[in-house]
N, C-alpha and C. Protein backbone atom coordinates (compact mmCIF):
# COMPACT_ATOMS: atom_id res chain seq x y z
N MET A 1 0.81 -1.19 0.00
CA MET A 1 0.00 0.00 0.00
C MET A 1 0.86 1.25 0.00
N GLU A 2 1.77 1.21 0.78
CA GLU A 2 2.72 2.35 0.89
C GLU A 2 3.47 2.54 -0.42
N ASP A 3 3.83 1.47 -1.06
CA ASP A 3 4.55 1.57 -2.34
C ASP A 3 3.63 2.13 -3.39
N THR A 4 2.38 1.77 -3.33
CA THR A 4 1.42 2.27 -4.32
C THR A 4 1.27 3.76 -4.18
N ASP A 5 1.19 4.23 -2.95
CA ASP A 5 1.06 5.67 -2.73
C ASP A 5 2.27 6.42 -3.28
N LYS A 6 3.42 5.86 -3.13
CA LYS A 6 4.64 6.52 -3.62
C LYS A 6 4.62 6.61 -5.14
N VAL A 7 4.14 5.55 -5.75
CA VAL A 7 4.07 5.55 -7.21
C VAL A 7 3.11 6.61 -7.68
N ILE A 8 1.95 6.68 -6.97
CA ILE A 8 0.95 7.69 -7.36
C ILE A 8 1.52 9.09 -7.19
N GLU A 9 2.22 9.30 -6.08
CA GLU A 9 2.81 10.60 -5.83
C GLU A 9 3.83 10.94 -6.90
N ALA A 10 4.63 9.94 -7.28
CA ALA A 10 5.65 10.18 -8.30
C ALA A 10 5.02 10.51 -9.63
N MET A 11 3.90 9.79 -9.92
CA MET A 11 3.22 10.05 -11.19
C MET A 11 2.58 11.43 -11.19
N LYS A 12 2.01 11.79 -10.03
CA LYS A 12 1.38 13.11 -9.91
C LYS A 12 2.40 14.21 -10.06
N ALA A 13 3.58 14.02 -9.44
CA ALA A 13 4.65 15.02 -9.54
C ALA A 13 5.14 15.13 -10.97
N ALA A 14 5.22 14.01 -11.66
CA ALA A 14 5.68 14.01 -13.04
C ALA A 14 4.69 14.74 -13.93
N MET A 15 3.37 14.53 -13.64
CA MET A 15 2.34 15.18 -14.43
C MET A 15 2.36 16.69 -14.21
N GLU A 16 2.53 17.05 -12.90
CA GLU A 16 2.58 18.49 -12.59
C GLU A 16 3.78 19.15 -13.28
N LYS A 17 4.89 18.44 -13.29
CA LYS A 17 6.09 18.97 -13.91
C LYS A 17 5.90 19.13 -15.40
N GLU A 18 5.23 18.10 -16.00
CA GLU A 18 4.99 18.17 -17.44
C GLU A 18 4.06 19.32 -17.79
N GLU A 19 2.99 19.45 -16.88
CA GLU A 19 2.04 20.54 -17.10
C GLU A 19 2.71 21.88 -16.98
N LYS A 20 3.59 21.97 -15.99
CA LYS A 20 4.33 23.22 -15.78
C LYS A 20 5.22 23.54 -16.96
N GLU A 21 5.88 22.49 -17.50
CA GLU A 21 6.76 22.69 -18.66
C GLU A 21 5.96 23.13 -19.89
N LYS A 22 4.73 22.57 -20.03
CA LYS A 22 3.87 22.95 -21.15
C LYS A 22 3.49 24.41 -21.06
N LYS A 23 3.16 24.84 -19.78
CA LYS A 23 2.79 26.24 -19.58
C LYS A 23 3.95 27.15 -19.93
N ILE A 24 5.16 26.70 -19.51
CA ILE A 24 6.35 27.52 -19.82
C ILE A 24 6.56 27.59 -21.32
N ASP A 25 6.43 26.43 -21.99
CA ASP A 25 6.61 26.42 -23.45
C ASP A 25 5.57 27.28 -24.14
N LYS A 26 4.30 27.21 -23.61
CA LYS A 26 3.22 28.00 -24.21
C LYS A 26 3.50 29.49 -24.05
N ALA A 27 3.95 29.84 -22.82
CA ALA A 27 4.25 31.25 -22.55
C ALA A 27 5.40 31.72 -23.45
N THR A 28 6.41 30.85 -23.59
CA THR A 28 7.55 31.22 -24.43
C THR A 28 7.12 31.37 -25.88
N GLU A 29 6.25 30.44 -26.32
CA GLU A 29 5.77 30.49 -27.69
C GLU A 29 4.96 31.75 -27.94
N ASP A 30 4.07 32.08 -26.95
CA ASP A 30 3.27 33.30 -27.08
C ASP A 30 4.13 34.54 -27.12
N GLN A 31 5.18 34.52 -26.28
CA GLN A 31 6.09 35.67 -26.24
C GLN A 31 6.83 35.83 -27.56
N VAL A 32 7.27 34.66 -28.09
CA VAL A 32 7.97 34.69 -29.37
C VAL A 32 7.05 35.18 -30.47
N GLU A 33 5.79 34.68 -30.42
CA GLU A 33 4.83 35.09 -31.45
C GLU A 33 4.53 36.59 -31.36
N GLU A 34 4.40 37.04 -30.08
CA GLU A 34 4.13 38.48 -29.87
C GLU A 34 5.30 39.32 -30.36
N GLN A 35 6.52 38.84 -30.10
CA GLN A 35 7.70 39.56 -30.56
C GLN A 35 7.75 39.60 -32.08
N ASP A 36 7.37 38.43 -32.69
CA ASP A 36 7.35 38.38 -34.16
C ASP A 36 6.33 39.36 -34.72
N LEU A 37 5.19 39.46 -34.05
CA LEU A 37 4.17 40.40 -34.50
C LEU A 37 4.66 41.84 -34.40
N GLU A 38 5.33 42.12 -33.28
CA GLU A 38 5.88 43.46 -33.12
C GLU A 38 6.94 43.77 -34.17
N ASP A 39 7.80 42.76 -34.42
CA ASP A 39 8.85 42.96 -35.44
C ASP A 39 8.23 43.19 -36.82
N ASN A 40 7.19 42.33 -37.07
CA ASN A 40 6.52 42.49 -38.37
C ASN A 40 5.85 43.84 -38.48
N LYS A 41 5.28 44.29 -37.36
CA LYS A 41 4.63 45.60 -37.36
C LYS A 41 5.64 46.71 -37.62
N GLU A 42 6.81 46.61 -36.95
CA GLU A 42 7.86 47.62 -37.16
C GLU A 42 8.36 47.59 -38.59
N ILE A 43 8.51 46.36 -39.14
CA ILE A 43 8.97 46.24 -40.53
C ILE A 43 7.96 46.88 -41.47
N GLN A 44 6.63 46.57 -41.19
CA GLN A 44 5.59 47.14 -42.02
C GLN A 44 5.56 48.66 -41.92
N GLU A 45 5.74 49.18 -40.69
CA GLU A 45 5.77 50.63 -40.50
C GLU A 45 6.96 51.26 -41.22
N ASP A 46 8.11 50.60 -41.11
CA ASP A 46 9.30 51.11 -41.81
C ASP A 46 9.08 51.11 -43.31
N LYS A 47 8.46 50.06 -43.81
CA LYS A 47 8.21 49.97 -45.23
C LYS A 47 7.25 51.07 -45.68
N GLU A 48 6.17 51.27 -44.89
CA GLU A 48 5.20 52.32 -45.22
C GLU A 48 5.85 53.69 -45.19
N MET A 49 6.72 53.90 -44.19
CA MET A 49 7.41 55.19 -44.09
C MET A 49 8.33 55.41 -45.27
N LYS A 50 9.04 54.35 -45.65
CA LYS A 50 9.94 54.45 -46.80
C LYS A 50 9.17 54.72 -48.08
N ASP A 51 8.02 53.98 -48.23
CA ASP A 51 7.19 54.19 -49.42
C ASP A 51 6.67 55.62 -49.46
N SER A 52 6.31 56.13 -48.28
CA SER A 52 5.81 57.51 -48.20
C SER A 52 6.90 58.50 -48.58
N GLN A 53 8.11 58.23 -48.06
CA GLN A 53 9.23 59.12 -48.40
C GLN A 53 9.55 59.06 -49.89
N ASP A 54 9.52 57.85 -50.45
CA ASP A 54 9.78 57.71 -51.88
C ASP A 54 8.73 58.46 -52.70
N THR A 55 7.45 58.33 -52.22
CA THR A 55 6.38 59.02 -52.92
C THR A 55 6.57 60.52 -52.87
N GLU A 56 7.00 61.04 -51.68
CA GLU A 56 7.24 62.47 -51.53
C GLU A 56 8.40 62.92 -52.40
N GLU A 57 9.47 62.07 -52.45
CA GLU A 57 10.62 62.41 -53.28
C GLU A 57 10.21 62.45 -54.75
N VAL A 58 9.40 61.43 -55.16
CA VAL A 58 8.95 61.39 -56.54
C VAL A 58 8.09 62.61 -56.85
N ALA A 59 7.25 62.97 -55.87
CA ALA A 59 6.37 64.13 -56.07
C ALA A 59 7.18 65.42 -56.10
N GLU A 60 8.28 65.47 -55.32
CA GLU A 60 9.08 66.70 -55.24
C GLU A 60 10.02 66.85 -56.43
N LYS A 61 10.46 65.74 -57.01
CA LYS A 61 11.46 65.81 -58.08
C LYS A 61 11.00 66.65 -59.26
N PRO A 62 9.79 66.42 -59.82
CA PRO A 62 9.37 67.28 -60.94
C PRO A 62 9.31 68.75 -60.56
N SER A 63 8.82 69.00 -59.34
CA SER A 63 8.73 70.39 -58.89
C SER A 63 10.11 71.02 -58.79
N THR A 64 11.07 70.27 -58.21
CA THR A 64 12.44 70.77 -58.08
C THR A 64 13.07 70.97 -59.45
N LYS A 65 12.85 70.01 -60.34
CA LYS A 65 13.40 70.11 -61.68
C LYS A 65 12.82 71.30 -62.42
N SER A 66 11.49 71.48 -62.26
CA SER A 66 10.83 72.62 -62.90
C SER A 66 11.36 73.94 -62.36
N PHE A 67 11.58 73.99 -61.04
CA PHE A 67 12.11 75.21 -60.42
C PHE A 67 13.51 75.52 -60.95
N LEU A 68 14.37 74.47 -61.01
CA LEU A 68 15.74 74.66 -61.51
C LEU A 68 15.72 75.10 -62.97
N LYS A 69 14.81 74.49 -63.76
CA LYS A 69 14.73 74.86 -65.17
C LYS A 69 14.27 76.30 -65.33
N GLY A 70 13.26 76.68 -64.53
CA GLY A 70 12.78 78.06 -64.59
C GLY A 70 13.84 79.06 -64.18
N SER A 71 14.60 78.70 -63.13
CA SER A 71 15.68 79.58 -62.66
C SER A 71 16.76 79.72 -63.72
N LYS A 72 17.09 78.61 -64.39
CA LYS A 72 18.11 78.62 -65.43
C LYS A 72 17.66 79.46 -66.63
N ASN A 73 16.37 79.32 -66.99
CA ASN A 73 15.84 80.11 -68.11
C ASN A 73 15.88 81.61 -67.80
N LYS A 74 15.54 81.95 -66.54
CA LYS A 74 15.59 83.36 -66.15
C LYS A 74 17.02 83.89 -66.21
N GLU A 75 17.97 83.07 -65.77
CA GLU A 75 19.37 83.48 -65.79
C GLU A 75 19.86 83.68 -67.23
N LEU A 76 19.48 82.74 -68.13
CA LEU A 76 19.88 82.87 -69.54
C LEU A 76 19.23 84.09 -70.18
N ALA A 77 17.95 84.33 -69.84
CA ALA A 77 17.26 85.50 -70.39
C ALA A 77 17.92 86.79 -69.92
N ALA A 78 18.33 86.82 -68.63
CA ALA A 78 19.00 88.01 -68.10
C ALA A 78 20.33 88.24 -68.81
N LYS A 79 21.08 87.14 -69.04
CA LYS A 79 22.36 87.27 -69.75
C LYS A 79 22.16 87.74 -71.18
N GLU A 80 21.13 87.21 -71.85
CA GLU A 80 20.85 87.63 -73.23
C GLU A 80 20.47 89.11 -73.28
N ASP A 81 19.66 89.54 -72.31
CA ASP A 81 19.29 90.96 -72.25
C ASP A 81 20.52 91.84 -72.05
N LYS A 82 21.42 91.39 -71.17
CA LYS A 82 22.64 92.15 -70.92
C LYS A 82 23.52 92.21 -72.17
N ILE A 83 23.64 91.07 -72.88
CA ILE A 83 24.43 91.02 -74.12
C ILE A 83 23.82 91.95 -75.16
N ASN A 84 22.49 91.90 -75.30
CA ASN A 84 21.82 92.77 -76.27
C ASN A 84 22.01 94.23 -75.93
N ASP A 85 21.94 94.54 -74.62
CA ASP A 85 22.13 95.94 -74.20
C ASP A 85 23.54 96.41 -74.49
N LEU A 86 24.53 95.55 -74.18
CA LEU A 86 25.93 95.92 -74.45
C LEU A 86 26.19 96.05 -75.95
N SER A 87 25.59 95.14 -76.73
CA SER A 87 25.76 95.22 -78.19
C SER A 87 25.15 96.51 -78.74
N ASP A 88 23.97 96.87 -78.22
CA ASP A 88 23.33 98.11 -78.67
C ASP A 88 24.16 99.33 -78.30
N ARG A 89 24.70 99.32 -77.06
CA ARG A 89 25.54 100.44 -76.63
C ARG A 89 26.81 100.52 -77.47
N LEU A 90 27.39 99.35 -77.79
CA LEU A 90 28.60 99.34 -78.62
C LEU A 90 28.31 99.89 -80.01
N MET A 91 27.19 99.48 -80.61
CA MET A 91 26.84 99.95 -81.95
C MET A 91 26.61 101.46 -81.95
N ARG A 92 25.91 101.95 -80.90
CA ARG A 92 25.65 103.39 -80.83
C ARG A 92 26.96 104.16 -80.63
N THR A 93 27.86 103.60 -79.81
CA THR A 93 29.16 104.26 -79.60
C THR A 93 29.97 104.30 -80.88
N MET A 94 29.96 103.18 -81.63
CA MET A 94 30.68 103.14 -82.90
C MET A 94 30.09 104.13 -83.90
N ALA A 95 28.74 104.22 -83.94
CA ALA A 95 28.09 105.17 -84.86
C ALA A 95 28.43 106.61 -84.47
N GLU A 96 28.41 106.88 -83.15
CA GLU A 96 28.75 108.23 -82.70
C GLU A 96 30.20 108.57 -83.02
N PHE A 97 31.10 107.58 -82.86
CA PHE A 97 32.51 107.82 -83.16
C PHE A 97 32.70 108.05 -84.66
N ASP A 98 31.96 107.27 -85.48
CA ASP A 98 32.07 107.45 -86.93
C ASP A 98 31.56 108.83 -87.34
N ASN A 99 30.46 109.25 -86.74
CA ASN A 99 29.94 110.60 -87.03
C ASN A 99 30.93 111.67 -86.58
N PHE A 100 31.53 111.45 -85.41
CA PHE A 100 32.52 112.41 -84.91
C PHE A 100 33.72 112.48 -85.84
N ARG A 101 34.17 111.31 -86.34
CA ARG A 101 35.31 111.28 -87.26
C ARG A 101 34.98 112.02 -88.55
N LYS A 102 33.80 111.75 -89.10
CA LYS A 102 33.40 112.43 -90.34
C LYS A 102 33.27 113.93 -90.11
N ARG A 103 32.67 114.30 -88.97
CA ARG A 103 32.51 115.72 -88.68
C ARG A 103 33.85 116.41 -88.50
N SER A 104 34.79 115.70 -87.84
CA SER A 104 36.13 116.26 -87.63
C SER A 104 36.86 116.45 -88.96
N GLU A 105 36.75 115.42 -89.83
CA GLU A 105 37.40 115.53 -91.14
C GLU A 105 36.79 116.67 -91.96
N LYS A 106 35.46 116.81 -91.88
CA LYS A 106 34.80 117.89 -92.62
C LYS A 106 35.24 119.25 -92.09
N GLU A 107 35.27 119.38 -90.74
CA GLU A 107 35.70 120.65 -90.15
C GLU A 107 37.16 120.94 -90.48
N LYS A 108 37.99 119.90 -90.47
CA LYS A 108 39.39 120.08 -90.81
C LYS A 108 39.54 120.55 -92.26
N SER A 109 38.75 119.91 -93.15
CA SER A 109 38.80 120.30 -94.56
C SER A 109 38.31 121.73 -94.75
N GLN A 110 37.24 122.08 -94.02
CA GLN A 110 36.72 123.45 -94.12
C GLN A 110 37.73 124.46 -93.60
N MET A 111 38.39 124.12 -92.49
CA MET A 111 39.40 125.02 -91.95
C MET A 111 40.57 125.18 -92.92
N PHE A 112 40.95 124.06 -93.56
CA PHE A 112 42.03 124.13 -94.55
C PHE A 112 41.63 125.01 -95.73
N ASP A 113 40.39 124.78 -96.21
CA ASP A 113 39.90 125.58 -97.34
C ASP A 113 39.82 127.06 -96.98
N LEU A 114 39.39 127.34 -95.75
CA LEU A 114 39.32 128.74 -95.32
C LEU A 114 40.71 129.36 -95.28
N GLY A 115 41.69 128.57 -94.80
CA GLY A 115 43.07 129.07 -94.76
C GLY A 115 43.61 129.32 -96.15
N VAL A 116 43.36 128.37 -97.07
CA VAL A 116 43.82 128.54 -98.45
C VAL A 116 43.14 129.74 -99.10
N LYS A 117 41.82 129.86 -98.86
CA LYS A 117 41.08 130.97 -99.44
C LYS A 117 41.62 132.32 -98.94
N SER A 118 41.95 132.35 -97.65
CA SER A 118 42.49 133.60 -97.08
C SER A 118 43.82 133.97 -97.74
N VAL A 119 44.67 132.96 -97.96
CA VAL A 119 45.97 133.22 -98.61
C VAL A 119 45.77 133.65 -100.06
N LEU A 120 44.86 132.96 -100.77
CA LEU A 120 44.63 133.28 -102.18
C LEU A 120 44.07 134.69 -102.35
N GLU A 121 43.19 135.06 -101.44
CA GLU A 121 42.63 136.42 -101.53
C GLU A 121 43.73 137.48 -101.45
N LYS A 122 44.80 137.17 -100.70
CA LYS A 122 45.92 138.11 -100.60
C LYS A 122 46.84 138.03 -101.82
N LEU A 123 46.84 136.88 -102.52
CA LEU A 123 47.67 136.72 -103.71
C LEU A 123 47.03 137.29 -104.97
N LEU A 124 45.71 137.32 -105.00
CA LEU A 124 45.03 137.78 -106.22
C LEU A 124 45.42 139.21 -106.63
N PRO A 125 45.57 140.15 -105.69
CA PRO A 125 46.04 141.49 -106.11
C PRO A 125 47.42 141.46 -106.74
N VAL A 126 48.27 140.53 -106.29
CA VAL A 126 49.61 140.40 -106.90
C VAL A 126 49.47 139.94 -108.35
N ILE A 127 48.57 138.98 -108.59
CA ILE A 127 48.32 138.51 -109.96
C ILE A 127 47.77 139.64 -110.81
N ASP A 128 46.85 140.42 -110.20
CA ASP A 128 46.29 141.58 -110.94
C ASP A 128 47.41 142.53 -111.38
N ASN A 129 48.36 142.77 -110.48
CA ASN A 129 49.45 143.69 -110.82
C ASN A 129 50.37 143.12 -111.90
N PHE A 130 50.58 141.80 -111.86
CA PHE A 130 51.35 141.15 -112.93
C PHE A 130 50.67 141.41 -114.27
N GLU A 131 49.36 141.15 -114.31
CA GLU A 131 48.62 141.30 -115.57
C GLU A 131 48.60 142.77 -116.05
N ARG A 132 48.45 143.71 -115.12
CA ARG A 132 48.47 145.13 -115.52
C ARG A 132 49.85 145.53 -116.06
N GLY A 133 50.87 144.98 -115.39
CA GLY A 133 52.23 145.28 -115.85
C GLY A 133 52.49 144.74 -117.24
N LEU A 134 52.05 143.52 -117.51
CA LEU A 134 52.25 142.92 -118.84
C LEU A 134 51.43 143.64 -119.90
N GLU A 135 50.24 144.07 -119.55
CA GLU A 135 49.40 144.78 -120.53
C GLU A 135 49.95 146.17 -120.87
N SER A 136 50.68 146.74 -119.94
CA SER A 136 51.20 148.11 -120.17
C SER A 136 52.50 148.14 -120.99
N ILE A 137 53.07 146.95 -121.25
CA ILE A 137 54.32 146.89 -122.00
C ILE A 137 54.06 147.18 -123.48
N ALA A 138 54.84 148.02 -124.05
CA ALA A 138 54.70 148.35 -125.47
C ALA A 138 55.07 147.14 -126.32
N GLU A 139 54.51 147.11 -127.53
CA GLU A 139 54.74 145.97 -128.41
C GLU A 139 56.21 145.81 -128.76
N GLU A 140 56.95 146.91 -128.94
CA GLU A 140 58.36 146.80 -129.33
C GLU A 140 59.26 146.36 -128.17
N ASP A 141 58.73 146.41 -126.94
CA ASP A 141 59.54 146.01 -125.77
C ASP A 141 59.28 144.57 -125.33
N LYS A 142 58.39 143.87 -125.98
CA LYS A 142 58.03 142.52 -125.53
C LYS A 142 59.15 141.52 -125.74
N ASP A 143 60.07 141.80 -126.63
CA ASP A 143 61.19 140.88 -126.83
C ASP A 143 62.32 141.13 -125.84
N ASN A 144 62.19 142.14 -125.01
CA ASN A 144 63.20 142.46 -124.01
C ASN A 144 63.34 141.30 -123.03
N SER A 145 64.56 140.94 -122.69
CA SER A 145 64.82 139.81 -121.80
C SER A 145 64.18 140.00 -120.42
N PHE A 146 64.15 141.27 -119.97
CA PHE A 146 63.53 141.54 -118.68
C PHE A 146 62.04 141.27 -118.74
N VAL A 147 61.42 141.71 -119.83
CA VAL A 147 59.98 141.48 -120.00
C VAL A 147 59.69 140.00 -120.14
N GLN A 148 60.53 139.30 -120.89
CA GLN A 148 60.32 137.86 -121.06
C GLN A 148 60.45 137.11 -119.71
N GLY A 149 61.43 137.52 -118.90
CA GLY A 149 61.57 136.92 -117.57
C GLY A 149 60.35 137.20 -116.70
N PHE A 150 59.86 138.45 -116.79
CA PHE A 150 58.67 138.86 -116.05
C PHE A 150 57.47 137.99 -116.47
N ASN A 151 57.34 137.77 -117.78
CA ASN A 151 56.24 136.96 -118.32
C ASN A 151 56.35 135.50 -117.90
N MET A 152 57.56 134.96 -117.85
CA MET A 152 57.76 133.57 -117.43
C MET A 152 57.38 133.37 -115.96
N ILE A 153 57.71 134.35 -115.12
CA ILE A 153 57.33 134.26 -113.70
C ILE A 153 55.81 134.26 -113.57
N TYR A 154 55.15 135.11 -114.35
CA TYR A 154 53.68 135.16 -114.31
C TYR A 154 53.07 133.81 -114.73
N LYS A 155 53.60 133.23 -115.82
CA LYS A 155 53.08 131.94 -116.28
C LYS A 155 53.30 130.84 -115.25
N GLN A 156 54.46 130.86 -114.60
CA GLN A 156 54.74 129.87 -113.56
C GLN A 156 53.77 130.03 -112.39
N LEU A 157 53.50 131.25 -112.01
CA LEU A 157 52.55 131.51 -110.93
C LEU A 157 51.17 130.99 -111.27
N MET A 158 50.72 131.25 -112.50
CA MET A 158 49.38 130.81 -112.90
C MET A 158 49.31 129.30 -113.03
N THR A 159 50.41 128.66 -113.46
CA THR A 159 50.44 127.19 -113.52
C THR A 159 50.31 126.60 -112.13
N THR A 160 51.01 127.18 -111.17
CA THR A 160 50.94 126.72 -109.78
C THR A 160 49.53 126.90 -109.22
N MET A 161 48.92 128.04 -109.52
CA MET A 161 47.55 128.28 -109.06
C MET A 161 46.59 127.25 -109.64
N ASP A 162 46.79 126.91 -110.91
CA ASP A 162 45.94 125.92 -111.56
C ASP A 162 46.11 124.55 -110.91
N GLU A 163 47.34 124.19 -110.53
CA GLU A 163 47.62 122.89 -109.92
C GLU A 163 46.97 122.74 -108.55
N ILE A 164 46.82 123.85 -107.82
CA ILE A 164 46.21 123.75 -106.49
C ILE A 164 44.69 123.95 -106.55
N GLY A 165 44.14 124.10 -107.75
CA GLY A 165 42.69 124.16 -107.90
C GLY A 165 42.12 125.53 -108.11
N VAL A 166 42.95 126.51 -108.42
CA VAL A 166 42.48 127.88 -108.66
C VAL A 166 42.24 128.07 -110.15
N LYS A 167 41.03 128.46 -110.52
CA LYS A 167 40.68 128.67 -111.93
C LYS A 167 40.08 130.05 -112.10
N ALA A 168 40.37 130.66 -113.25
CA ALA A 168 39.76 131.95 -113.59
C ALA A 168 38.33 131.73 -114.05
N ILE A 169 37.43 132.62 -113.66
CA ILE A 169 36.03 132.53 -114.06
C ILE A 169 35.88 133.06 -115.49
N GLU A 170 35.22 132.28 -116.33
CA GLU A 170 34.94 132.73 -117.69
C GLU A 170 33.84 133.81 -117.64
N ALA A 171 34.11 134.93 -118.29
CA ALA A 171 33.16 136.04 -118.19
C ALA A 171 32.74 136.58 -119.55
N VAL A 172 33.64 137.18 -120.30
CA VAL A 172 33.31 137.88 -121.55
C VAL A 172 32.69 136.90 -122.55
N GLY A 173 31.50 137.31 -123.09
CA GLY A 173 30.80 136.49 -124.08
C GLY A 173 29.85 135.50 -123.46
N ASN A 174 29.90 135.31 -122.16
CA ASN A 174 28.99 134.38 -121.48
C ASN A 174 27.79 135.13 -120.89
N GLU A 175 26.74 134.41 -120.62
CA GLU A 175 25.56 135.01 -120.01
C GLU A 175 25.87 135.40 -118.56
N PHE A 176 25.34 136.52 -118.17
CA PHE A 176 25.60 137.00 -116.82
C PHE A 176 25.02 136.03 -115.79
N ASP A 177 25.85 135.69 -114.78
CA ASP A 177 25.43 134.80 -113.70
C ASP A 177 25.83 135.45 -112.38
N PRO A 178 24.85 135.86 -111.57
CA PRO A 178 25.18 136.54 -110.31
C PRO A 178 25.98 135.68 -109.34
N ASN A 179 25.98 134.38 -109.57
CA ASN A 179 26.78 133.51 -108.70
C ASN A 179 28.28 133.67 -108.95
N PHE A 180 28.64 134.16 -110.16
CA PHE A 180 30.04 134.29 -110.53
C PHE A 180 30.44 135.72 -110.93
N HIS A 181 29.47 136.49 -111.37
CA HIS A 181 29.77 137.82 -111.90
C HIS A 181 29.18 138.92 -111.02
N ASN A 182 29.89 140.01 -110.99
CA ASN A 182 29.42 141.21 -110.28
C ASN A 182 29.30 142.34 -111.31
N ALA A 183 28.06 142.67 -111.68
CA ALA A 183 27.83 143.69 -112.72
C ALA A 183 28.00 145.09 -112.13
N VAL A 184 29.03 145.80 -112.60
CA VAL A 184 29.26 147.16 -112.12
C VAL A 184 28.85 148.21 -113.15
N MET A 185 28.57 147.73 -114.37
CA MET A 185 28.12 148.63 -115.43
C MET A 185 27.13 147.92 -116.34
N HIS A 186 26.23 148.70 -116.94
CA HIS A 186 25.28 148.17 -117.91
C HIS A 186 25.37 149.00 -119.19
N GLY A 187 25.14 148.40 -120.30
CA GLY A 187 25.22 149.13 -121.57
C GLY A 187 24.35 148.52 -122.63
N GLU A 188 24.44 149.07 -123.83
CA GLU A 188 23.67 148.60 -124.96
C GLU A 188 24.63 148.16 -126.06
N ASP A 189 24.34 147.04 -126.65
CA ASP A 189 25.16 146.55 -127.76
C ASP A 189 24.28 145.64 -128.61
N GLU A 190 23.99 146.11 -129.83
CA GLU A 190 23.10 145.36 -130.70
C GLU A 190 23.74 144.08 -131.23
N THR A 191 25.06 144.02 -131.19
CA THR A 191 25.75 142.82 -131.72
C THR A 191 25.74 141.66 -130.73
N LEU A 192 25.44 141.95 -129.47
CA LEU A 192 25.42 140.91 -128.41
C LEU A 192 23.99 140.63 -127.98
N GLY A 193 23.79 139.50 -127.48
CA GLY A 193 22.46 139.14 -126.99
C GLY A 193 22.14 139.85 -125.68
N GLU A 194 20.96 139.55 -125.16
CA GLU A 194 20.52 140.18 -123.92
C GLU A 194 21.18 139.50 -122.71
N ASN A 195 21.57 140.33 -121.76
CA ASN A 195 22.15 139.85 -120.50
C ASN A 195 23.48 139.11 -120.72
N ILE A 196 24.29 139.65 -121.63
CA ILE A 196 25.59 139.05 -121.93
C ILE A 196 26.70 139.95 -121.38
N VAL A 197 27.75 139.30 -120.85
CA VAL A 197 28.90 140.03 -120.32
C VAL A 197 29.71 140.56 -121.50
N ALA A 198 29.83 141.88 -121.60
CA ALA A 198 30.54 142.50 -122.72
C ALA A 198 31.98 142.84 -122.39
N GLU A 199 32.25 143.06 -121.14
CA GLU A 199 33.60 143.49 -120.77
C GLU A 199 33.90 143.05 -119.33
N GLU A 200 35.19 142.74 -119.11
CA GLU A 200 35.62 142.33 -117.77
C GLU A 200 36.64 143.35 -117.24
N PHE A 201 36.35 143.90 -116.08
CA PHE A 201 37.25 144.88 -115.47
C PHE A 201 38.24 144.23 -114.50
N GLN A 202 37.80 143.16 -113.86
CA GLN A 202 38.68 142.44 -112.93
C GLN A 202 38.30 140.97 -112.95
N LYS A 203 39.32 140.14 -113.11
CA LYS A 203 39.07 138.69 -113.18
C LYS A 203 38.55 138.14 -111.84
N GLY A 204 37.64 137.19 -112.01
CA GLY A 204 37.17 136.45 -110.83
C GLY A 204 37.83 135.07 -110.81
N TYR A 205 37.89 134.46 -109.61
CA TYR A 205 38.57 133.16 -109.48
C TYR A 205 37.75 132.20 -108.61
N LEU A 206 37.93 130.92 -108.94
CA LEU A 206 37.31 129.82 -108.18
C LEU A 206 38.41 128.99 -107.54
N TYR A 207 38.13 128.48 -106.34
CA TYR A 207 39.04 127.51 -105.70
C TYR A 207 38.24 126.23 -105.45
N ASN A 208 38.58 125.18 -106.20
CA ASN A 208 37.86 123.91 -106.12
C ASN A 208 36.34 124.10 -106.27
N GLY A 209 35.98 124.98 -107.21
CA GLY A 209 34.57 125.21 -107.52
C GLY A 209 33.89 126.25 -106.65
N VAL A 210 34.61 126.79 -105.65
CA VAL A 210 34.04 127.79 -104.75
C VAL A 210 34.59 129.16 -105.15
N VAL A 211 33.70 130.14 -105.22
CA VAL A 211 34.11 131.48 -105.64
C VAL A 211 35.00 132.13 -104.58
N ILE A 212 36.20 132.53 -105.02
CA ILE A 212 37.08 133.31 -104.14
C ILE A 212 36.80 134.81 -104.33
N ARG A 213 36.62 135.16 -105.62
CA ARG A 213 36.33 136.54 -105.96
C ARG A 213 35.47 136.58 -107.21
N HIS A 214 34.40 137.36 -107.18
CA HIS A 214 33.53 137.49 -108.34
C HIS A 214 34.20 138.36 -109.42
N SER A 215 33.84 138.09 -110.66
CA SER A 215 34.34 138.91 -111.77
C SER A 215 33.59 140.24 -111.79
N MET A 216 34.32 141.33 -111.95
CA MET A 216 33.70 142.65 -112.11
C MET A 216 33.50 142.88 -113.61
N VAL A 217 32.23 143.01 -114.04
CA VAL A 217 31.94 143.03 -115.47
C VAL A 217 30.96 144.13 -115.84
N ARG A 218 30.87 144.32 -117.20
CA ARG A 218 29.85 145.18 -117.78
C ARG A 218 28.89 144.29 -118.56
N VAL A 219 27.60 144.50 -118.33
CA VAL A 219 26.59 143.66 -118.94
C VAL A 219 25.75 144.50 -119.90
N VAL A 220 25.44 143.91 -121.05
CA VAL A 220 24.58 144.60 -122.02
C VAL A 220 23.17 144.04 -121.93
N ASN A 221 22.19 144.93 -122.13
CA ASN A 221 20.79 144.55 -122.05
C ASN A 221 20.21 144.34 -123.43
């Protein structure tokens, strides 16, 4: 009887131990399962967060690209405007310089012509005196060496005047032109037409087509 009780006790203790071990295994299994659920939840949350970030990045990329493109276009447009402005200023400066150069050359030429005209006006009386002197020489004295030398100097002077652009104004026999002739006398002559220069008292001269001195003439009506 006593042995039977011991066996029963041993069996009961073994059953309790087994039951206890099952509870421990169940608790461990539940804990492991709970941990797996938490891990899976964290993984799922991480994945959702990453997907959200990727979606935001994808959504932001076109906007960022568009902003950069717009900024670049504005910068290029500003540079083009600056280049166009500088080109326009350069062209205007070159045009102004060209006008200044032309104006300076014209003024220089005018000043030169005025200087030449001033000198010629002082030389014309000398030419007049040469011509009066030659006209006053008697016919029998024209072969005189002194007269011939005098005549050669006059011809040389007139050749030089011609080379620098000084020309005598044609008067006698031509129609009167107030631009070239100065009528100091009027007369009648049936052999000449109306308003014709009949006589020249003082020669007129042109310098490169510009009147230095008008011819003093007599005009017939």
